[in-house]
């Protein structure tokens, strides 16, 4: 059995300037942990697959399409494919989010 220890995975700075940890990837799913420091943001973009976000810790803002909400630990936010999405650590604290894409891209 594989046990993934998220806190032991080294993150890299992705093309949007945010620390990203690849937790799991196969042809069906891609799971990333995005770690935003206060003031960090993932600018508005879309992807051709379904996405959902699970807030691991902290608070921040997630925008999906024309809607925006402050989210906190244990919130889950779905995003349909080809829909604009953005994340922001705009609440003065670290903001850690699991990003799940299905199928994997």
PDB file of N, CA and C in Angstrom:
ATOM      1  N   UNK A   1       0.840  -1.186   0.000  1.00  0.00           N
ATOM      2  CA  UNK A   1       0.000   0.000   0.000  1.00  0.00           C
ATOM      3  C   UNK A   1       0.879   1.241   0.000  1.00  0.00           C
ATOM      4  N   UNK A   2       0.497   2.193  -0.813  1.00  0.00           N
ATOM      5  CA  UNK A   2       1.212   3.453  -0.856  1.00  0.00           C
ATOM      6  C   UNK A   2       0.573   4.433   0.133  1.00  0.00           C
ATOM      7  N   UNK A   3       1.412   5.080   0.927  1.00  0.00           N
ATOM      8  CA  UNK A   3       0.956   6.128   1.837  1.00  0.00           C
ATOM      9  C   UNK A   3       1.666   7.408   1.422  1.00  0.00           C
ATOM     10  N   UNK A   4       0.900   8.413   1.053  1.00  0.00           N
ATOM     11  CA  UNK A   4       1.468   9.685   0.611  1.00  0.00           C
ATOM     12  C   UNK A   4       1.492  10.634   1.805  1.00  0.00           C
ATOM     13  N   UNK A   5       2.677  11.096   2.158  1.00  0.00           N
ATOM     14  CA  UNK A   5       2.842  12.014   3.284  1.00  0.00           C
ATOM     15  C   UNK A   5       3.044  13.418   2.716  1.00  0.00           C
ATOM     16  N   UNK A   6       1.946  14.153   2.670  1.00  0.00           N
ATOM     17  CA  UNK A   6       1.943  15.454   2.018  1.00  0.00           C
ATOM     18  C   UNK A   6       3.006  16.389   2.583  1.00  0.00           C
ATOM     19  N   UNK A   7       3.223  16.345   3.895  1.00  0.00           N
ATOM     20  CA  UNK A   7       4.190  17.259   4.503  1.00  0.00           C
ATOM     21  C   UNK A   7       5.638  16.889   4.189  1.00  0.00           C
ATOM     22  N   UNK A   8       5.867  15.714   3.610  1.00  0.00           N
ATOM     23  CA  UNK A   8       7.227  15.297   3.260  1.00  0.00           C
ATOM     24  C   UNK A   8       7.556  15.505   1.781  1.00  0.00           C
ATOM     25  N   UNK A   9       6.573  15.927   0.995  1.00  0.00           N
ATOM     26  CA  UNK A   9       6.797  16.142  -0.435  1.00  0.00           C
ATOM     27  C   UNK A   9       7.325  17.552  -0.645  1.00  0.00           C
ATOM     28  N   UNK A  10       8.404  17.647  -1.386  1.00  0.00           N
ATOM     29  CA  UNK A  10       8.992  18.943  -1.687  1.00  0.00           C
ATOM     30  C   UNK A  10       8.195  19.627  -2.788  1.00  0.00           C
ATOM     31  N   UNK A  11       7.873  20.868  -2.577  1.00  0.00           N
ATOM     32  CA  UNK A  11       7.132  21.626  -3.570  1.00  0.00           C
ATOM     33  C   UNK A  11       8.062  22.329  -4.547  1.00  0.00           C
ATOM     34  N   UNK A  12       7.501  22.670  -5.686  1.00  0.00           N
ATOM     35  CA  UNK A  12       8.222  23.471  -6.674  1.00  0.00           C
ATOM     36  C   UNK A  12       7.384  24.728  -6.941  1.00  0.00           C
ATOM     37  N   UNK A  13       8.025  25.777  -7.389  1.00  0.00           N
ATOM     38  CA  UNK A  13       7.285  26.973  -7.763  1.00  0.00           C
ATOM     39  C   UNK A  13       6.754  26.761  -9.171  1.00  0.00           C
ATOM     40  N   UNK A  14       5.433  26.775  -9.312  1.00  0.00           N
ATOM     41  CA  UNK A  14       4.838  26.504 -10.619  1.00  0.00           C
ATOM     42  C   UNK A  14       4.849  27.759 -11.500  1.00  0.00           C
ATOM     43  N   UNK A  15       4.316  27.648 -12.713  1.00  0.00           N
ATOM     44  CA  UNK A  15       4.347  28.748 -13.673  1.00  0.00           C
ATOM     45  C   UNK A  15       3.528  29.946 -13.214  1.00  0.00           C
ATOM     46  N   UNK A  16       2.702  29.759 -12.206  1.00  0.00           N
ATOM     47  CA  UNK A  16       1.910  30.869 -11.670  1.00  0.00           C
ATOM     48  C   UNK A  16       2.535  31.449 -10.398  1.00  0.00           C
ATOM     49  N   UNK A  17       3.747  30.981 -10.037  1.00  0.00           N
ATOM     50  CA  UNK A  17       4.489  31.524  -8.902  1.00  0.00           C
ATOM     51  C   UNK A  17       4.066  31.012  -7.543  1.00  0.00           C
ATOM     52  N   UNK A  18       3.333  29.909  -7.511  1.00  0.00           N
ATOM     53  CA  UNK A  18       2.828  29.332  -6.266  1.00  0.00           C
ATOM     54  C   UNK A  18       3.530  27.999  -6.017  1.00  0.00           C
ATOM     55  N   UNK A  19       3.777  27.685  -4.757  1.00  0.00           N
ATOM     56  CA  UNK A  19       4.373  26.388  -4.422  1.00  0.00           C
ATOM     57  C   UNK A  19       3.355  25.283  -4.692  1.00  0.00           C
ATOM     58  N   UNK A  20       3.755  24.292  -5.485  1.00  0.00           N
ATOM     59  CA  UNK A  20       2.877  23.179  -5.842  1.00  0.00           C
ATOM     60  C   UNK A  20       3.577  21.862  -5.534  1.00  0.00           C
ATOM     61  N   UNK A  21       2.837  20.964  -4.886  1.00  0.00           N
ATOM     62  CA  UNK A  21       3.338  19.620  -4.588  1.00  0.00           C
ATOM     63  C   UNK A  21       2.488  18.617  -5.346  1.00  0.00           C
ATOM     64  N   UNK A  22       3.111  17.832  -6.216  1.00  0.00           N
ATOM     65  CA  UNK A  22       2.357  16.784  -6.909  1.00  0.00           C
ATOM     66  C   UNK A  22       2.220  15.603  -5.961  1.00  0.00           C
ATOM     67  N   UNK A  23       0.990  15.300  -5.561  1.00  0.00           N
ATOM     68  CA  UNK A  23       0.733  14.228  -4.618  1.00  0.00           C
ATOM     69  C   UNK A  23       0.482  12.896  -5.309  1.00  0.00           C
ATOM     70  N   UNK A  24      -0.197  12.950  -6.453  1.00  0.00           N
ATOM     71  CA  UNK A  24      -0.529  11.708  -7.167  1.00  0.00           C
ATOM     72  C   UNK A  24      -0.933  12.069  -8.589  1.00  0.00           C
ATOM     73  N   UNK A  25      -0.552  11.220  -9.526  1.00  0.00           N
ATOM     74  CA  UNK A  25      -0.961  11.437 -10.912  1.00  0.00           C
ATOM     75  C   UNK A  25      -0.999  10.108 -11.642  1.00  0.00           C
ATOM     76  N   UNK A  26      -2.102   9.892 -12.350  1.00  0.00           N
ATOM     77  CA  UNK A  26      -2.212   8.797 -13.308  1.00  0.00           C
ATOM     78  C   UNK A  26      -3.130   9.290 -14.425  1.00  0.00           C
ATOM     79  N   UNK A  27      -3.548   8.417 -15.328  1.00  0.00           N
ATOM     80  CA  UNK A  27      -4.360   8.879 -16.464  1.00  0.00           C
ATOM     81  C   UNK A  27      -5.747   9.356 -16.048  1.00  0.00           C
ATOM     82  N   UNK A  28      -6.198   8.972 -14.862  1.00  0.00           N
ATOM     83  CA  UNK A  28      -7.544   9.318 -14.417  1.00  0.00           C
ATOM     84  C   UNK A  28      -7.624  10.569 -13.555  1.00  0.00           C
ATOM     85  N   UNK A  29      -6.550  10.883 -12.831  1.00  0.00           N
ATOM     86  CA  UNK A  29      -6.616  11.967 -11.858  1.00  0.00           C
ATOM     87  C   UNK A  29      -5.236  12.583 -11.625  1.00  0.00           C
ATOM     88  N   UNK A  30      -5.237  13.858 -11.324  1.00  0.00           N
ATOM     89  CA  UNK A  30      -4.017  14.547 -10.902  1.00  0.00           C
ATOM     90  C   UNK A  30      -4.367  15.277  -9.608  1.00  0.00           C
ATOM     91  N   UNK A  31      -3.573  15.045  -8.556  1.00  0.00           N
ATOM     92  CA  UNK A  31      -3.809  15.666  -7.262  1.00  0.00           C
ATOM     93  C   UNK A  31      -2.591  16.486  -6.880  1.00  0.00           C
ATOM     94  N   UNK A  32      -2.825  17.782  -6.667  1.00  0.00           N
ATOM     95  CA  UNK A  32      -1.759  18.704  -6.298  1.00  0.00           C
ATOM     96  C   UNK A  32      -2.121  19.389  -4.986  1.00  0.00           C
ATOM     97  N   UNK A  33      -1.101  19.751  -4.214  1.00  0.00           N
ATOM     98  CA  UNK A  33      -1.287  20.608  -3.047  1.00  0.00           C
ATOM     99  C   UNK A  33      -0.680  21.960  -3.393  1.00  0.00           C
ATOM    100  N   UNK A  34      -1.521  22.993  -3.452  1.00  0.00           N
ATOM    101  CA  UNK A  34      -1.061  24.345  -3.711  1.00  0.00           C
ATOM    102  C   UNK A  34      -0.909  25.052  -2.375  1.00  0.00           C
ATOM    103  N   UNK A  35       0.266  25.630  -2.135  1.00  0.00           N
ATOM    104  CA  UNK A  35       0.557  26.298  -0.868  1.00  0.00           C
ATOM    105  C   UNK A  35       0.817  27.770  -1.160  1.00  0.00           C
ATOM    106  N   UNK A  36      -0.144  28.603  -0.813  1.00  0.00           N
ATOM    107  CA  UNK A  36      -0.050  30.033  -1.075  1.00  0.00           C
ATOM    108  C   UNK A  36       0.327  30.760   0.211  1.00  0.00           C
ATOM    109  N   UNK A  37       1.293  31.636   0.120  1.00  0.00           N
ATOM    110  CA  UNK A  37       1.675  32.513   1.223  1.00  0.00           C
ATOM    111  C   UNK A  37       0.800  33.767   1.146  1.00  0.00           C
ATOM    112  N   UNK A  38       0.656  34.509   2.259  1.00  0.00           N
ATOM    113  CA  UNK A  38      -0.158  35.726   2.201  1.00  0.00           C
ATOM    114  C   UNK A  38       0.243  36.615   1.023  1.00  0.00           C
ATOM    115  N   UNK A  39      -0.757  37.015   0.260  1.00  0.00           N
ATOM    116  CA  UNK A  39      -0.524  37.856  -0.916  1.00  0.00           C
ATOM    117  C   UNK A  39      -0.362  37.091  -2.217  1.00  0.00           C
ATOM    118  N   UNK A  40      -0.099  35.776  -2.147  1.00  0.00           N
ATOM    119  CA  UNK A  40       0.028  34.964  -3.363  1.00  0.00           C
ATOM    120  C   UNK A  40      -1.333  34.806  -4.030  1.00  0.00           C
ATOM    121  N   UNK A  41      -1.296  34.632  -5.336  1.00  0.00           N
ATOM    122  CA  UNK A  41      -2.537  34.348  -6.051  1.00  0.00           C
ATOM    123  C   UNK A  41      -2.261  33.488  -7.276  1.00  0.00           C
ATOM    124  N   UNK A  42      -3.263  32.730  -7.643  1.00  0.00           N
ATOM    125  CA  UNK A  42      -3.274  32.003  -8.904  1.00  0.00           C
ATOM    126  C   UNK A  42      -4.248  32.773  -9.786  1.00  0.00           C
ATOM    127  N   UNK A  43      -3.748  33.444 -10.830  1.00  0.00           N
ATOM    128  CA  UNK A  43      -4.622  34.273 -11.667  1.00  0.00           C
ATOM    129  C   UNK A  43      -5.689  33.455 -12.391  1.00  0.00           C
ATOM    130  N   UNK A  44      -6.704  34.141 -12.825  1.00  0.00           N
ATOM    131  CA  UNK A  44      -7.824  33.511 -13.517  1.00  0.00           C
ATOM    132  C   UNK A  44      -7.345  32.731 -14.747  1.00  0.00           C
ATOM    133  N   UNK A  45      -7.816  31.493 -14.838  1.00  0.00           N
ATOM    134  CA  UNK A  45      -7.490  30.623 -15.963  1.00  0.00           C
ATOM    135  C   UNK A  45      -8.534  29.509 -16.005  1.00  0.00           C
ATOM    136  N   UNK A  46      -8.542  28.738 -17.074  1.00  0.00           N
ATOM    137  CA  UNK A  46      -9.438  27.584 -17.157  1.00  0.00           C
ATOM    138  C   UNK A  46      -8.644  26.388 -17.655  1.00  0.00           C
ATOM    139  N   UNK A  47      -9.187  25.207 -17.394  1.00  0.00           N
ATOM    140  CA  UNK A  47      -8.577  23.963 -17.871  1.00  0.00           C
ATOM    141  C   UNK A  47      -9.683  23.104 -18.485  1.00  0.00           C
ATOM    142  N   UNK A  48      -9.322  22.196 -19.404  1.00  0.00           N
ATOM    143  CA  UNK A  48     -10.339  21.422 -20.128  1.00  0.00           C
ATOM    144  C   UNK A  48     -10.812  20.167 -19.385  1.00  0.00           C
ATOM    145  N   UNK A  49     -10.678  20.154 -18.051  1.00  0.00           N
ATOM    146  CA  UNK A  49     -11.108  19.008 -17.248  1.00  0.00           C
ATOM    147  C   UNK A  49     -11.851  19.521 -16.015  1.00  0.00           C
ATOM    148  N   UNK A  50     -12.588  18.624 -15.362  1.00  0.00           N
ATOM    149  CA  UNK A  50     -13.252  18.973 -14.110  1.00  0.00           C
ATOM    150  C   UNK A  50     -12.217  19.129 -13.011  1.00  0.00           C
ATOM    151  N   UNK A  51     -12.475  20.068 -12.106  1.00  0.00           N
ATOM    152  CA  UNK A  51     -11.554  20.355 -11.006  1.00  0.00           C
ATOM    153  C   UNK A  51     -12.374  20.489  -9.732  1.00  0.00           C
ATOM    154  N   UNK A  52     -11.784  20.092  -8.598  1.00  0.00           N
ATOM    155  CA  UNK A  52     -12.337  20.553  -7.332  1.00  0.00           C
ATOM    156  C   UNK A  52     -11.195  20.895  -6.406  1.00  0.00           C
ATOM    157  N   UNK A  53     -11.494  21.809  -5.493  1.00  0.00           N
ATOM    158  CA  UNK A  53     -10.529  22.274  -4.507  1.00  0.00           C
ATOM    159  C   UNK A  53     -11.002  21.836  -3.124  1.00  0.00           C
ATOM    160  N   UNK A  54     -10.064  21.378  -2.299  1.00  0.00           N
ATOM    161  CA  UNK A  54     -10.336  21.074  -0.896  1.00  0.00           C
ATOM    162  C   UNK A  54      -9.376  21.924  -0.077  1.00  0.00           C
ATOM    163  N   UNK A  55      -9.914  22.773   0.798  1.00  0.00           N
ATOM    164  CA  UNK A  55      -9.067  23.652   1.597  1.00  0.00           C
ATOM    165  C   UNK A  55      -8.516  22.864   2.782  1.00  0.00           C
ATOM    166  N   UNK A  56      -7.186  22.684   2.795  1.00  0.00           N
ATOM    167  CA  UNK A  56      -6.501  21.938   3.850  1.00  0.00           C
ATOM    168  C   UNK A  56      -6.359  22.807   5.094  1.00  0.00           C
ATOM    169  N   UNK A  57      -5.919  24.062   4.892  1.00  0.00           N
ATOM    170  CA  UNK A  57      -5.733  24.964   6.022  1.00  0.00           C
ATOM    171  C   UNK A  57      -5.771  26.410   5.558  1.00  0.00           C
ATOM    172  N   UNK A  58      -6.046  27.287   6.500  1.00  0.00           N
ATOM    173  CA  UNK A  58      -6.070  28.712   6.223  1.00  0.00           C
ATOM    174  C   UNK A  58      -7.384  29.154   5.603  1.00  0.00           C
ATOM    175  N   UNK A  59      -7.384  30.419   5.208  1.00  0.00           N
ATOM    176  CA  UNK A  59      -8.532  31.030   4.549  1.00  0.00           C
ATOM    177  C   UNK A  59      -8.033  31.790   3.331  1.00  0.00           C
ATOM    178  N   UNK A  60      -8.887  31.899   2.338  1.00  0.00           N
ATOM    179  CA  UNK A  60      -8.537  32.638   1.138  1.00  0.00           C
ATOM    180  C   UNK A  60      -9.788  32.850   0.308  1.00  0.00           C
ATOM    181  N   UNK A  61      -9.590  33.324  -0.903  1.00  0.00           N
ATOM    182  CA  UNK A  61     -10.706  33.563  -1.810  1.00  0.00           C
ATOM    183  C   UNK A  61     -10.538  32.693  -3.042  1.00  0.00           C
ATOM    184  N   UNK A  62     -11.622  32.042  -3.442  1.00  0.00           N
ATOM    185  CA  UNK A  62     -11.641  31.275  -4.687  1.00  0.00           C
ATOM    186  C   UNK A  62     -12.757  31.842  -5.555  1.00  0.00           C
ATOM    187  N   UNK A  63     -12.417  32.086  -6.806  1.00  0.00           N
ATOM    188  CA  UNK A  63     -13.399  32.541  -7.786  1.00  0.00           C
ATOM    189  C   UNK A  63     -13.618  31.426  -8.801  1.00  0.00           C
ATOM    190  N   UNK A  64     -14.887  31.132  -9.063  1.00  0.00           N
ATOM    191  CA  UNK A  64     -15.282  30.140 -10.069  1.00  0.00           C
ATOM    192  C   UNK A  64     -16.289  30.841 -10.981  1.00  0.00           C
ATOM    193  N   UNK A  65     -15.922  30.994 -12.260  1.00  0.00           N
ATOM    194  CA  UNK A  65     -16.800  31.726 -13.166  1.00  0.00           C
ATOM    195  C   UNK A  65     -16.983  33.150 -12.673  1.00  0.00           C
ATOM    196  N   UNK A  66     -18.237  33.588 -12.549  1.00  0.00           N
ATOM    197  CA  UNK A  66     -18.553  34.938 -12.090  1.00  0.00           C
ATOM    198  C   UNK A  66     -18.742  35.028 -10.573  1.00  0.00           C
ATOM    199  N   UNK A  67     -18.573  33.912  -9.867  1.00  0.00           N
ATOM    200  CA  UNK A  67     -18.793  33.905  -8.423  1.00  0.00           C
ATOM    201  C   UNK A  67     -17.472  33.873  -7.672  1.00  0.00           C
ATOM    202  N   UNK A  68     -17.458  34.468  -6.485  1.00  0.00           N
ATOM    203  CA  UNK A  68     -16.271  34.519  -5.641  1.00  0.00           C
ATOM    204  C   UNK A  68     -16.710  34.313  -4.197  1.00  0.00           C
ATOM    205  N   UNK A  69     -15.903  33.566  -3.414  1.00  0.00           N
ATOM    206  CA  UNK A  69     -16.261  33.332  -2.022  1.00  0.00           C
ATOM    207  C   UNK A  69     -15.006  33.207  -1.164  1.00  0.00           C
ATOM    208  N   UNK A  70     -15.124  33.653   0.081  1.00  0.00           N
ATOM    209  CA  UNK A  70     -14.083  33.369   1.061  1.00  0.00           C
ATOM    210  C   UNK A  70     -14.285  31.920   1.490  1.00  0.00           C
ATOM    211  N   UNK A  71     -13.194  31.157   1.495  1.00  0.00           N
ATOM    212  CA  UNK A  71     -13.270  29.750   1.865  1.00  0.00           C
ATOM    213  C   UNK A  71     -12.293  29.475   2.992  1.00  0.00           C
ATOM    214  N   UNK A  72     -12.547  28.388   3.719  1.00  0.00           N
ATOM    215  CA  UNK A  72     -11.712  28.044   4.870  1.00  0.00           C
ATOM    216  C   UNK A  72     -11.518  26.533   4.937  1.00  0.00           C
ATOM    217  N   UNK A  73     -10.723  26.122   5.912  1.00  0.00           N
ATOM    218  CA  UNK A  73     -10.395  24.710   6.097  1.00  0.00           C
ATOM    219  C   UNK A  73     -11.641  23.831   6.015  1.00  0.00           C
ATOM    220  N   UNK A  74     -11.501  22.732   5.281  1.00  0.00           N
ATOM    221  CA  UNK A  74     -12.515  21.691   5.077  1.00  0.00           C
ATOM    222  C   UNK A  74     -13.605  22.053   4.068  1.00  0.00           C
ATOM    223  N   UNK A  75     -13.531  23.247   3.443  1.00  0.00           N
ATOM    224  CA  UNK A  75     -14.477  23.568   2.370  1.00  0.00           C
ATOM    225  C   UNK A  75     -14.051  22.843   1.082  1.00  0.00           C
ATOM    226  N   UNK A  76     -15.032  22.443   0.293  1.00  0.00           N
ATOM    227  CA  UNK A  76     -14.806  21.815  -1.016  1.00  0.00           C
ATOM    228  C   UNK A  76     -15.518  22.660  -2.063  1.00  0.00           C
ATOM    229  N   UNK A  77     -14.773  23.000  -3.120  1.00  0.00           N
ATOM    230  CA  UNK A  77     -15.305  23.881  -4.144  1.00  0.00           C
ATOM    231  C   UNK A  77     -15.147  23.212  -5.508  1.00  0.00           C
ATOM    232  N   UNK A  78     -16.233  22.774  -6.156  1.00  0.00           N
ATOM    233  CA  UNK A  78     -16.131  22.180  -7.492  1.00  0.00           C
ATOM    234  C   UNK A  78     -16.049  23.252  -8.580  1.00  0.00           C
ATOM    235  N   UNK A  79     -15.391  22.898  -9.670  1.00  0.00           N
ATOM    236  CA  UNK A  79     -15.268  23.791 -10.822  1.00  0.00           C
ATOM    237  C   UNK A  79     -15.414  22.955 -12.094  1.00  0.00           C
ATOM    238  N   UNK A  80     -16.467  23.201 -12.882  1.00  0.00           N
ATOM    239  CA  UNK A  80     -16.642  22.455 -14.133  1.00  0.00           C
ATOM    240  C   UNK A  80     -15.534  22.775 -15.135  1.00  0.00           C
ATOM    241  N   UNK A  81     -15.298  21.851 -16.034  1.00  0.00           N
ATOM    242  CA  UNK A  81     -14.270  22.058 -17.056  1.00  0.00           C
ATOM    243  C   UNK A  81     -14.563  23.322 -17.866  1.00  0.00           C
ATOM    244  N   UNK A  82     -13.489  23.921 -18.375  1.00  0.00           N
ATOM    245  CA  UNK A  82     -13.546  25.129 -19.206  1.00  0.00           C
ATOM    246  C   UNK A  82     -14.197  26.325 -18.511  1.00  0.00           C
ATOM    247  N   UNK A  83     -14.112  26.378 -17.184  1.00  0.00           N
ATOM    248  CA  UNK A  83     -14.653  27.494 -16.406  1.00  0.00           C
ATOM    249  C   UNK A  83     -13.486  28.255 -15.778  1.00  0.00           C
ATOM    250  N   UNK A  84     -13.514  29.579 -15.865  1.00  0.00           N
ATOM    251  CA  UNK A  84     -12.465  30.400 -15.262  1.00  0.00           C
ATOM    252  C   UNK A  84     -12.430  30.180 -13.748  1.00  0.00           C
ATOM    253  N   UNK A  85     -11.214  30.076 -13.204  1.00  0.00           N
ATOM    254  CA  UNK A  85     -11.026  29.896 -11.765  1.00  0.00           C
ATOM    255  C   UNK A  85      -9.814  30.703 -11.333  1.00  0.00           C
ATOM    256  N   UNK A  86      -9.812  31.140 -10.061  1.00  0.00           N
ATOM    257  CA  UNK A  86      -8.682  31.875  -9.501  1.00  0.00           C
ATOM    258  C   UNK A  86      -8.659  31.646  -7.995  1.00  0.00           C
ATOM    259  N   UNK A  87      -7.456  31.710  -7.410  1.00  0.00           N
ATOM    260  CA  UNK A  87      -7.275  31.552  -5.969  1.00  0.00           C
ATOM    261  C   UNK A  87      -6.448  32.717  -5.465  1.00  0.00           C
ATOM    262  N   UNK A  88      -6.720  33.126  -4.223  1.00  0.00           N
ATOM    263  CA  UNK A  88      -5.961  34.222  -3.641  1.00  0.00           C
ATOM    264  C   UNK A  88      -5.819  34.029  -2.135  1.00  0.00           C
ATOM    265  N   UNK A  89      -4.592  34.164  -1.648  1.00  0.00           N
ATOM    266  CA  UNK A  89      -4.322  34.138  -0.207  1.00  0.00           C
ATOM    267  C   UNK A  89      -4.407  35.578   0.284  1.00  0.00           C
ATOM    268  N   UNK A  90      -5.631  36.097   0.326  1.00  0.00           N
ATOM    269  CA  UNK A  90      -5.862  37.511   0.615  1.00  0.00           C
ATOM    270  C   UNK A  90      -6.407  37.758   2.024  1.00  0.00           C
ATOM    271  N   UNK A  91      -6.248  36.783   2.916  1.00  0.00           N
ATOM    272  CA  UNK A  91      -6.778  36.920   4.274  1.00  0.00           C
ATOM    273  C   UNK A  91      -5.667  37.027   5.318  1.00  0.00           C
ATOM    274  N   UNK A  92      -4.426  37.286   4.850  1.00  0.00           N
ATOM    275  CA  UNK A  92      -3.320  37.496   5.767  1.00  0.00           C
ATOM    276  C   UNK A  92      -2.760  36.241   6.406  1.00  0.00           C
ATOM    277  N   UNK A  93      -3.000  35.092   5.798  1.00  0.00           N
ATOM    278  CA  UNK A  93      -2.484  33.832   6.346  1.00  0.00           C
ATOM    279  C   UNK A  93      -2.158  32.866   5.219  1.00  0.00           C
ATOM    280  N   UNK A  94      -1.371  31.837   5.555  1.00  0.00           N
ATOM    281  CA  UNK A  94      -1.084  30.791   4.580  1.00  0.00           C
ATOM    282  C   UNK A  94      -2.397  30.125   4.174  1.00  0.00           C
ATOM    283  N   UNK A  95      -2.439  29.655   2.929  1.00  0.00           N
ATOM    284  CA  UNK A  95      -3.652  29.088   2.347  1.00  0.00           C
ATOM    285  C   UNK A  95      -3.238  27.841   1.588  1.00  0.00           C
ATOM    286  N   UNK A  96      -3.572  26.666   2.127  1.00  0.00           N
ATOM    287  CA  UNK A  96      -3.179  25.393   1.529  1.00  0.00           C
ATOM    288  C   UNK A  96      -4.415  24.699   0.972  1.00  0.00           C
ATOM    289  N   UNK A  97      -4.335  24.339  -0.324  1.00  0.00           N
ATOM    290  CA  UNK A  97      -5.489  23.800  -1.039  1.00  0.00           C
ATOM    291  C   UNK A  97      -5.077  22.556  -1.817  1.00  0.00           C
ATOM    292  N   UNK A  98      -5.883  21.517  -1.752  1.00  0.00           N
ATOM    293  CA  UNK A  98      -5.720  20.359  -2.625  1.00  0.00           C
ATOM    294  C   UNK A  98      -6.500  20.658  -3.898  1.00  0.00           C
ATOM    295  N   UNK A  99      -5.859  20.447  -5.038  1.00  0.00           N
ATOM    296  CA  UNK A  99      -6.443  20.676  -6.357  1.00  0.00           C
ATOM    297  C   UNK A  99      -6.511  19.313  -7.045  1.00  0.00           C
ATOM    298  N   UNK A 100      -7.723  18.877  -7.387  1.00  0.00           N
ATOM    299  CA  UNK A 100      -7.915  17.572  -8.017  1.00  0.00           C
ATOM    300  C   UNK A 100      -8.486  17.794  -9.415  1.00  0.00           C
ATOM    301  N   UNK A 101      -7.789  17.259 -10.427  1.00  0.00           N
ATOM    302  CA  UNK A 101      -8.241  17.367 -11.813  1.00  0.00           C
ATOM    303  C   UNK A 101      -8.587  15.971 -12.329  1.00  0.00           C
ATOM    304  N   UNK A 102      -9.789  15.871 -12.928  1.00  0.00           N
ATOM    305  CA  UNK A 102     -10.208  14.596 -13.508  1.00  0.00           C
ATOM    306  C   UNK A 102     -10.783  14.832 -14.906  1.00  0.00           C
ATOM    307  N   UNK A 103     -10.340  14.098 -15.892  1.00  0.00           N
ATOM    308  CA  UNK A 103      -9.171  13.228 -15.841  1.00  0.00           C
ATOM    309  C   UNK A 103      -7.890  14.060 -15.779  1.00  0.00           C
ATOM    310  N   UNK A 104      -6.801  13.380 -15.606  1.00  0.00           N
ATOM    311  CA  UNK A 104      -5.510  14.037 -15.500  1.00  0.00           C
ATOM    312  C   UNK A 104      -5.149  14.742 -16.817  1.00  0.00           C
ATOM    313  N   UNK A 105      -4.457  15.866 -16.693  1.00  0.00           N
ATOM    314  CA  UNK A 105      -3.969  16.539 -17.909  1.00  0.00           C
ATOM    315  C   UNK A 105      -2.459  16.694 -17.846  1.00  0.00           C
TER     316      UNK A 105
END
